[in-house]
Amino acid sequence: MPLLCPIAGPLRLFVPQRMYKPLTASDRRQYVEEVRLNPPIIFEVKDPSEWGIALDDALKSHTKRLVDKEALIYSGQVRRGRD
């Protein structure tokens, strides 16, 4: 992901998220060491072309500017741990 990219909306704010810190050795093993992560989902909008969607638009289902809004995100079940 480029360091600089156009962000949707006039305020240019991000919703903050704290880094996850496992509380126990079991949590570390289950949620850090053995987890299989999916790639991030990038929300792209058009007219003008930007990355992201305003939280207010998402909450109100205002999605007409989203690119590929009907695209399948995950093609299978989400799996955790080892198989």
PDB file of N, CA and C in Angstrom:
ATOM      1  N   MET A   1       0.853  -1.167   0.000  1.00  0.00           N
ATOM      2  CA  MET A   1       0.000   0.000   0.000  1.00  0.00           C
ATOM      3  C   MET A   1       0.903   1.236   0.000  1.00  0.00           C
ATOM      4  N   PRO A   2       0.664   2.157  -0.882  1.00  0.00           N
ATOM      5  CA  PRO A   2       1.496   3.367  -0.904  1.00  0.00           C
ATOM      6  C   PRO A   2       1.386   4.147   0.395  1.00  0.00           C
ATOM      7  N   LEU A   3       2.443   4.862   0.716  1.00  0.00           N
ATOM      8  CA  LEU A   3       2.413   5.674   1.928  1.00  0.00           C
ATOM      9  C   LEU A   3       1.413   6.816   1.803  1.00  0.00           C
ATOM     10  N   LEU A   4       1.281   7.347   0.617  1.00  0.00           N
ATOM     11  CA  LEU A   4       0.338   8.435   0.390  1.00  0.00           C
ATOM     12  C   LEU A   4      -0.742   7.960  -0.563  1.00  0.00           C
ATOM     13  N   CYS A   5      -1.988   8.156  -0.198  1.00  0.00           N
ATOM     14  CA  CYS A   5      -3.078   7.804  -1.092  1.00  0.00           C
ATOM     15  C   CYS A   5      -4.237   8.741  -0.800  1.00  0.00           C
ATOM     16  N   PRO A   6      -5.074   8.999  -1.791  1.00  0.00           N
ATOM     17  CA  PRO A   6      -6.230   9.863  -1.529  1.00  0.00           C
ATOM     18  C   PRO A   6      -7.217   9.164  -0.610  1.00  0.00           C
ATOM     19  N   ILE A   7      -7.665   9.853   0.402  1.00  0.00           N
ATOM     20  CA  ILE A   7      -8.605   9.307   1.382  1.00  0.00           C
ATOM     21  C   ILE A   7      -9.969   9.944   1.155  1.00  0.00           C
ATOM     22  N   ALA A   8     -11.018   9.129   1.150  1.00  0.00           N
ATOM     23  CA  ALA A   8     -12.372   9.616   0.916  1.00  0.00           C
ATOM     24  C   ALA A   8     -12.834  10.518   2.050  1.00  0.00           C
ATOM     25  N   GLY A   9     -13.593  11.528   1.700  1.00  0.00           N
ATOM     26  CA  GLY A   9     -14.193  12.420   2.680  1.00  0.00           C
ATOM     27  C   GLY A   9     -13.347  13.645   2.948  1.00  0.00           C
ATOM     28  N   PRO A  10     -13.981  14.725   3.335  1.00  0.00           N
ATOM     29  CA  PRO A  10     -13.267  15.987   3.530  1.00  0.00           C
ATOM     30  C   PRO A  10     -12.455  16.060   4.823  1.00  0.00           C
ATOM     31  N   LEU A  11     -12.749  15.247   5.838  1.00  0.00           N
ATOM     32  CA  LEU A  11     -12.090  15.381   7.131  1.00  0.00           C
ATOM     33  C   LEU A  11     -10.769  14.646   7.225  1.00  0.00           C
ATOM     34  N   ARG A  12     -10.559  13.619   6.420  1.00  0.00           N
ATOM     35  CA  ARG A  12      -9.319  12.856   6.397  1.00  0.00           C
ATOM     36  C   ARG A  12      -8.986  12.243   7.762  1.00  0.00           C
ATOM     37  N   LEU A  13      -9.999  11.678   8.429  1.00  0.00           N
ATOM     38  CA  LEU A  13      -9.807  11.059   9.735  1.00  0.00           C
ATOM     39  C   LEU A  13      -9.840   9.548   9.612  1.00  0.00           C
ATOM     40  N   PHE A  14      -9.127   8.866  10.491  1.00  0.00           N
ATOM     41  CA  PHE A  14      -9.151   7.424  10.572  1.00  0.00           C
ATOM     42  C   PHE A  14      -9.789   7.022  11.889  1.00  0.00           C
ATOM     43  N   VAL A  15     -10.458   5.877  11.909  1.00  0.00           N
ATOM     44  CA  VAL A  15     -10.977   5.328  13.158  1.00  0.00           C
ATOM     45  C   VAL A  15      -9.810   4.619  13.834  1.00  0.00           C
ATOM     46  N   PRO A  16      -9.398   5.065  15.010  1.00  0.00           N
ATOM     47  CA  PRO A  16      -8.225   4.469  15.654  1.00  0.00           C
ATOM     48  C   PRO A  16      -8.507   3.048  16.136  1.00  0.00           C
ATOM     49  N   GLN A  17      -7.472   2.237  16.145  1.00  0.00           N
ATOM     50  CA  GLN A  17      -7.581   0.875  16.646  1.00  0.00           C
ATOM     51  C   GLN A  17      -6.290   0.541  17.373  1.00  0.00           C
ATOM     52  N   ARG A  18      -6.418   0.103  18.616  1.00  0.00           N
ATOM     53  CA  ARG A  18      -5.229  -0.264  19.394  1.00  0.00           C
ATOM     54  C   ARG A  18      -4.668  -1.600  18.932  1.00  0.00           C
ATOM     55  N   MET A  19      -3.364  -1.763  19.088  1.00  0.00           N
ATOM     56  CA  MET A  19      -2.704  -3.024  18.760  1.00  0.00           C
ATOM     57  C   MET A  19      -3.164  -4.094  19.742  1.00  0.00           C
ATOM     58  N   TYR A  20      -3.504  -5.267  19.223  1.00  0.00           N
ATOM     59  CA  TYR A  20      -3.934  -6.377  20.063  1.00  0.00           C
ATOM     60  C   TYR A  20      -2.746  -6.920  20.850  1.00  0.00           C
ATOM     61  N   LYS A  21      -2.948  -7.127  22.145  1.00  0.00           N
ATOM     62  CA  LYS A  21      -1.929  -7.731  23.003  1.00  0.00           C
ATOM     63  C   LYS A  21      -2.565  -8.916  23.718  1.00  0.00           C
ATOM     64  N   PRO A  22      -2.103 -10.136  23.408  1.00  0.00           N
ATOM     65  CA  PRO A  22      -2.685 -11.310  24.073  1.00  0.00           C
ATOM     66  C   PRO A  22      -2.408 -11.292  25.569  1.00  0.00           C
ATOM     67  N   LEU A  23      -3.395 -11.739  26.347  1.00  0.00           N
ATOM     68  CA  LEU A  23      -3.275 -11.717  27.804  1.00  0.00           C
ATOM     69  C   LEU A  23      -2.606 -12.973  28.353  1.00  0.00           C
ATOM     70  N   THR A  24      -2.760 -14.098  27.657  1.00  0.00           N
ATOM     71  CA  THR A  24      -2.218 -15.361  28.153  1.00  0.00           C
ATOM     72  C   THR A  24      -1.394 -16.043  27.058  1.00  0.00           C
ATOM     73  N   ALA A  25      -0.621 -17.067  27.448  1.00  0.00           N
ATOM     74  CA  ALA A  25       0.146 -17.838  26.481  1.00  0.00           C
ATOM     75  C   ALA A  25      -0.797 -18.544  25.497  1.00  0.00           C
ATOM     76  N   SER A  26      -1.928 -19.005  25.992  1.00  0.00           N
ATOM     77  CA  SER A  26      -2.918 -19.657  25.135  1.00  0.00           C
ATOM     78  C   SER A  26      -3.469 -18.678  24.098  1.00  0.00           C
ATOM     79  N   ASP A  27      -3.781 -17.454  24.536  1.00  0.00           N
ATOM     80  CA  ASP A  27      -4.249 -16.421  23.604  1.00  0.00           C
ATOM     81  C   ASP A  27      -3.190 -16.121  22.551  1.00  0.00           C
ATOM     82  N   ARG A  28      -1.931 -16.028  22.982  1.00  0.00           N
ATOM     83  CA  ARG A  28      -0.838 -15.741  22.038  1.00  0.00           C
ATOM     84  C   ARG A  28      -0.753 -16.841  20.978  1.00  0.00           C
ATOM     85  N   ARG A  29      -0.822 -18.086  21.431  1.00  0.00           N
ATOM     86  CA  ARG A  29      -0.740 -19.212  20.500  1.00  0.00           C
ATOM     87  C   ARG A  29      -1.939 -19.203  19.546  1.00  0.00           C
ATOM     88  N   GLN A  30      -3.159 -19.048  20.072  1.00  0.00           N
ATOM     89  CA  GLN A  30      -4.372 -19.134  19.262  1.00  0.00           C
ATOM     90  C   GLN A  30      -4.556 -17.942  18.330  1.00  0.00           C
ATOM     91  N   TYR A  31      -4.279 -16.736  18.808  1.00  0.00           N
ATOM     92  CA  TYR A  31      -4.607 -15.541  18.032  1.00  0.00           C
ATOM     93  C   TYR A  31      -3.414 -14.865  17.361  1.00  0.00           C
ATOM     94  N   VAL A  32      -2.190 -15.331  17.634  1.00  0.00           N
ATOM     95  CA  VAL A  32      -1.008 -14.729  17.024  1.00  0.00           C
ATOM     96  C   VAL A  32      -0.198 -15.766  16.253  1.00  0.00           C
ATOM     97  N   GLU A  33       0.206 -16.832  16.926  1.00  0.00           N
ATOM     98  CA  GLU A  33       1.126 -17.792  16.314  1.00  0.00           C
ATOM     99  C   GLU A  33       0.456 -18.744  15.324  1.00  0.00           C
ATOM    100  N   GLU A  34      -0.775 -19.175  15.602  1.00  0.00           N
ATOM    101  CA  GLU A  34      -1.421 -20.193  14.774  1.00  0.00           C
ATOM    102  C   GLU A  34      -2.505 -19.645  13.850  1.00  0.00           C
ATOM    103  N   VAL A  35      -2.738 -18.377  13.879  1.00  0.00           N
ATOM    104  CA  VAL A  35      -3.834 -17.802  13.094  1.00  0.00           C
ATOM    105  C   VAL A  35      -3.428 -17.658  11.622  1.00  0.00           C
ATOM    106  N   ARG A  36      -4.400 -17.831  10.750  1.00  0.00           N
ATOM    107  CA  ARG A  36      -4.216 -17.568   9.316  1.00  0.00           C
ATOM    108  C   ARG A  36      -5.013 -16.316   8.986  1.00  0.00           C
ATOM    109  N   LEU A  37      -4.316 -15.263   8.642  1.00  0.00           N
ATOM    110  CA  LEU A  37      -4.973 -13.990   8.379  1.00  0.00           C
ATOM    111  C   LEU A  37      -5.361 -13.863   6.911  1.00  0.00           C
ATOM    112  N   ASN A  38      -6.455 -13.179   6.672  1.00  0.00           N
ATOM    113  CA  ASN A  38      -6.864 -12.834   5.315  1.00  0.00           C
ATOM    114  C   ASN A  38      -6.243 -11.492   4.964  1.00  0.00           C
ATOM    115  N   PRO A  39      -6.044 -11.231   3.678  1.00  0.00           N
ATOM    116  CA  PRO A  39      -5.504  -9.929   3.301  1.00  0.00           C
ATOM    117  C   PRO A  39      -6.497  -8.821   3.674  1.00  0.00           C
ATOM    118  N   PRO A  40      -6.019  -7.586   3.837  1.00  0.00           N
ATOM    119  CA  PRO A  40      -6.928  -6.494   4.198  1.00  0.00           C
ATOM    120  C   PRO A  40      -7.910  -6.196   3.070  1.00  0.00           C
ATOM    121  N   ILE A  41      -9.039  -5.652   3.430  1.00  0.00           N
ATOM    122  CA  ILE A  41     -10.036  -5.216   2.456  1.00  0.00           C
ATOM    123  C   ILE A  41      -9.845  -3.724   2.254  1.00  0.00           C
ATOM    124  N   ILE A  42      -9.589  -3.328   1.020  1.00  0.00           N
ATOM    125  CA  ILE A  42      -9.414  -1.914   0.693  1.00  0.00           C
ATOM    126  C   ILE A  42     -10.701  -1.428   0.049  1.00  0.00           C
ATOM    127  N   PHE A  43     -11.317  -0.429   0.630  1.00  0.00           N
ATOM    128  CA  PHE A  43     -12.523   0.158   0.063  1.00  0.00           C
ATOM    129  C   PHE A  43     -12.093   1.261  -0.895  1.00  0.00           C
ATOM    130  N   GLU A  44     -12.431   1.089  -2.177  1.00  0.00           N
ATOM    131  CA  GLU A  44     -12.084   2.073  -3.195  1.00  0.00           C
ATOM    132  C   GLU A  44     -13.376   2.698  -3.706  1.00  0.00           C
ATOM    133  N   VAL A  45     -13.373   4.018  -3.854  1.00  0.00           N
ATOM    134  CA  VAL A  45     -14.544   4.725  -4.377  1.00  0.00           C
ATOM    135  C   VAL A  45     -14.147   5.466  -5.647  1.00  0.00           C
ATOM    136  N   LYS A  46     -15.151   5.834  -6.435  1.00  0.00           N
ATOM    137  CA  LYS A  46     -14.906   6.536  -7.691  1.00  0.00           C
ATOM    138  C   LYS A  46     -15.622   7.878  -7.709  1.00  0.00           C
ATOM    139  N   ASP A  47     -15.203   8.721  -8.619  1.00  0.00           N
ATOM    140  CA  ASP A  47     -15.815  10.044  -8.876  1.00  0.00           C
ATOM    141  C   ASP A  47     -15.824  10.947  -7.655  1.00  0.00           C
ATOM    142  N   PRO A  48     -14.679  11.367  -7.136  1.00  0.00           N
ATOM    143  CA  PRO A  48     -13.311  11.110  -7.569  1.00  0.00           C
ATOM    144  C   PRO A  48     -12.779   9.798  -7.001  1.00  0.00           C
ATOM    145  N   SER A  49     -11.680   9.320  -7.591  1.00  0.00           N
ATOM    146  CA  SER A  49     -11.067   8.064  -7.171  1.00  0.00           C
ATOM    147  C   SER A  49     -10.341   8.272  -5.840  1.00  0.00           C
ATOM    148  N   GLU A  50     -10.762   7.523  -4.821  1.00  0.00           N
ATOM    149  CA  GLU A  50     -10.188   7.634  -3.472  1.00  0.00           C
ATOM    150  C   GLU A  50     -10.210   6.262  -2.817  1.00  0.00           C
ATOM    151  N   TRP A  51      -9.461   6.125  -1.734  1.00  0.00           N
ATOM    152  CA  TRP A  51      -9.498   4.929  -0.902  1.00  0.00           C
ATOM    153  C   TRP A  51     -10.268   5.248   0.359  1.00  0.00           C
ATOM    154  N   GLY A  52     -11.097   4.314   0.789  1.00  0.00           N
ATOM    155  CA  GLY A  52     -11.833   4.484   2.035  1.00  0.00           C
ATOM    156  C   GLY A  52     -13.273   4.876   1.777  1.00  0.00           C
ATOM    157  N   ILE A  53     -14.063   4.753   2.803  1.00  0.00           N
ATOM    158  CA  ILE A  53     -15.460   5.171   2.749  1.00  0.00           C
ATOM    159  C   ILE A  53     -15.750   5.886   4.061  1.00  0.00           C
ATOM    160  N   ALA A  54     -16.476   6.963   3.977  1.00  0.00           N
ATOM    161  CA  ALA A  54     -16.830   7.701   5.187  1.00  0.00           C
ATOM    162  C   ALA A  54     -17.686   6.812   6.086  1.00  0.00           C
ATOM    163  N   LEU A  55     -17.392   6.796   7.367  1.00  0.00           N
ATOM    164  CA  LEU A  55     -18.142   5.965   8.310  1.00  0.00           C
ATOM    165  C   LEU A  55     -19.626   6.304   8.260  1.00  0.00           C
ATOM    166  N   ASP A  56     -19.960   7.575   8.143  1.00  0.00           N
ATOM    167  CA  ASP A  56     -21.359   7.992   8.060  1.00  0.00           C
ATOM    168  C   ASP A  56     -22.032   7.384   6.828  1.00  0.00           C
ATOM    169  N   ASP A  57     -21.327   7.363   5.691  1.00  0.00           N
ATOM    170  CA  ASP A  57     -21.879   6.749   4.472  1.00  0.00           C
ATOM    171  C   ASP A  57     -22.081   5.248   4.671  1.00  0.00           C
ATOM    172  N   ALA A  58     -21.115   4.575   5.271  1.00  0.00           N
ATOM    173  CA  ALA A  58     -21.230   3.133   5.497  1.00  0.00           C
ATOM    174  C   ALA A  58     -22.415   2.822   6.417  1.00  0.00           C
ATOM    175  N   LEU A  59     -22.565   3.590   7.481  1.00  0.00           N
ATOM    176  CA  LEU A  59     -23.663   3.357   8.422  1.00  0.00           C
ATOM    177  C   LEU A  59     -25.030   3.582   7.779  1.00  0.00           C
ATOM    178  N   LYS A  60     -25.095   4.489   6.815  1.00  0.00           N
ATOM    179  CA  LYS A  60     -26.359   4.805   6.134  1.00  0.00           C
ATOM    180  C   LYS A  60     -26.524   4.029   4.827  1.00  0.00           C
ATOM    181  N   SER A  61     -25.612   3.087   4.543  1.00  0.00           N
ATOM    182  CA  SER A  61     -25.639   2.279   3.316  1.00  0.00           C
ATOM    183  C   SER A  61     -25.581   3.131   2.056  1.00  0.00           C
ATOM    184  N   HIS A  62     -24.874   4.256   2.115  1.00  0.00           N
ATOM    185  CA  HIS A  62     -24.641   5.087   0.931  1.00  0.00           C
ATOM    186  C   HIS A  62     -23.383   4.545   0.244  1.00  0.00           C
ATOM    187  N   THR A  63     -23.576   3.597  -0.651  1.00  0.00           N
ATOM    188  CA  THR A  63     -22.435   2.885  -1.231  1.00  0.00           C
ATOM    189  C   THR A  63     -22.356   2.996  -2.755  1.00  0.00           C
ATOM    190  N   LYS A  64     -23.087   3.914  -3.364  1.00  0.00           N
ATOM    191  CA  LYS A  64     -23.115   3.954  -4.830  1.00  0.00           C
ATOM    192  C   LYS A  64     -21.753   4.291  -5.435  1.00  0.00           C
ATOM    193  N   ARG A  65     -20.850   4.940  -4.698  1.00  0.00           N
ATOM    194  CA  ARG A  65     -19.525   5.276  -5.222  1.00  0.00           C
ATOM    195  C   ARG A  65     -18.517   4.142  -5.069  1.00  0.00           C
ATOM    196  N   LEU A  66     -18.839   3.085  -4.308  1.00  0.00           N
ATOM    197  CA  LEU A  66     -17.904   1.983  -4.100  1.00  0.00           C
ATOM    198  C   LEU A  66     -17.609   1.250  -5.400  1.00  0.00           C
ATOM    199  N   VAL A  67     -16.345   0.970  -5.641  1.00  0.00           N
ATOM    200  CA  VAL A  67     -15.919   0.189  -6.797  1.00  0.00           C
ATOM    201  C   VAL A  67     -16.103  -1.295  -6.460  1.00  0.00           C
ATOM    202  N   ASP A  68     -16.659  -2.057  -7.387  1.00  0.00           N
ATOM    203  CA  ASP A  68     -16.873  -3.506  -7.217  1.00  0.00           C
ATOM    204  C   ASP A  68     -17.617  -3.842  -5.934  1.00  0.00           C
ATOM    205  N   LYS A  69     -18.670  -3.082  -5.646  1.00  0.00           N
ATOM    206  CA  LYS A  69     -19.383  -3.262  -4.375  1.00  0.00           C
ATOM    207  C   LYS A  69     -20.086  -4.612  -4.250  1.00  0.00           C
ATOM    208  N   GLU A  70     -20.265  -5.336  -5.350  1.00  0.00           N
ATOM    209  CA  GLU A  70     -20.890  -6.656  -5.301  1.00  0.00           C
ATOM    210  C   GLU A  70     -19.854  -7.782  -5.331  1.00  0.00           C
ATOM    211  N   ALA A  71     -18.572  -7.442  -5.258  1.00  0.00           N
ATOM    212  CA  ALA A  71     -17.508  -8.448  -5.350  1.00  0.00           C
ATOM    213  C   ALA A  71     -17.519  -9.368  -4.133  1.00  0.00           C
ATOM    214  N   LEU A  72     -17.206 -10.643  -4.358  1.00  0.00           N
ATOM    215  CA  LEU A  72     -17.109 -11.629  -3.293  1.00  0.00           C
ATOM    216  C   LEU A  72     -15.827 -11.367  -2.506  1.00  0.00           C
ATOM    217  N   ILE A  73     -15.923 -11.227  -1.203  1.00  0.00           N
ATOM    218  CA  ILE A  73     -14.751 -10.926  -0.375  1.00  0.00           C
ATOM    219  C   ILE A  73     -14.029 -12.206   0.015  1.00  0.00           C
ATOM    220  N   TYR A  74     -14.727 -13.159   0.599  1.00  0.00           N
ATOM    221  CA  TYR A  74     -14.135 -14.425   1.013  1.00  0.00           C
ATOM    222  C   TYR A  74     -14.813 -15.544   0.248  1.00  0.00           C
ATOM    223  N   SER A  75     -14.020 -16.428  -0.343  1.00  0.00           N
ATOM    224  CA  SER A  75     -14.600 -17.503  -1.144  1.00  0.00           C
ATOM    225  C   SER A  75     -14.834 -18.783  -0.356  1.00  0.00           C
ATOM    226  N   GLY A  76     -14.369 -18.824   0.880  1.00  0.00           N
ATOM    227  CA  GLY A  76     -14.555 -20.022   1.698  1.00  0.00           C
ATOM    228  C   GLY A  76     -14.762 -19.651   3.149  1.00  0.00           C
ATOM    229  N   GLN A  77     -14.780 -20.671   3.979  1.00  0.00           N
ATOM    230  CA  GLN A  77     -14.937 -20.417   5.404  1.00  0.00           C
ATOM    231  C   GLN A  77     -13.654 -19.829   5.978  1.00  0.00           C
ATOM    232  N   VAL A  78     -13.810 -19.006   6.972  1.00  0.00           N
ATOM    233  CA  VAL A  78     -12.655 -18.483   7.697  1.00  0.00           C
ATOM    234  C   VAL A  78     -12.175 -19.580   8.621  1.00  0.00           C
ATOM    235  N   ARG A  79     -10.888 -19.913   8.537  1.00  0.00           N
ATOM    236  CA  ARG A  79     -10.343 -20.987   9.360  1.00  0.00           C
ATOM    237  C   ARG A  79      -9.393 -20.407  10.386  1.00  0.00           C
ATOM    238  N   ARG A  80      -9.426 -20.969  11.573  1.00  0.00           N
ATOM    239  CA  ARG A  80      -8.523 -20.544  12.639  1.00  0.00           C
ATOM    240  C   ARG A  80      -7.654 -21.725  13.039  1.00  0.00           C
ATOM    241  N   GLY A  81      -6.431 -21.436  13.382  1.00  0.00           N
ATOM    242  CA  GLY A  81      -5.548 -22.484  13.882  1.00  0.00           C
ATOM    243  C   GLY A  81      -5.031 -23.379  12.778  1.00  0.00           C
ATOM    244  N   ARG A  82      -4.525 -24.522  13.182  1.00  0.00           N
ATOM    245  CA  ARG A  82      -3.971 -25.493  12.242  1.00  0.00           C
ATOM    246  C   ARG A  82      -5.038 -26.439  11.747  1.00  0.00           C
ATOM    247  N   ASP A  83      -4.869 -26.949  10.528  1.00  0.00           N
ATOM    248  CA  ASP A  83      -5.798 -27.951   9.984  1.00  0.00           C
ATOM    249  C   ASP A  83      -5.270 -29.333  10.250  1.00  0.00           C
TER     250      ASP A  83
END
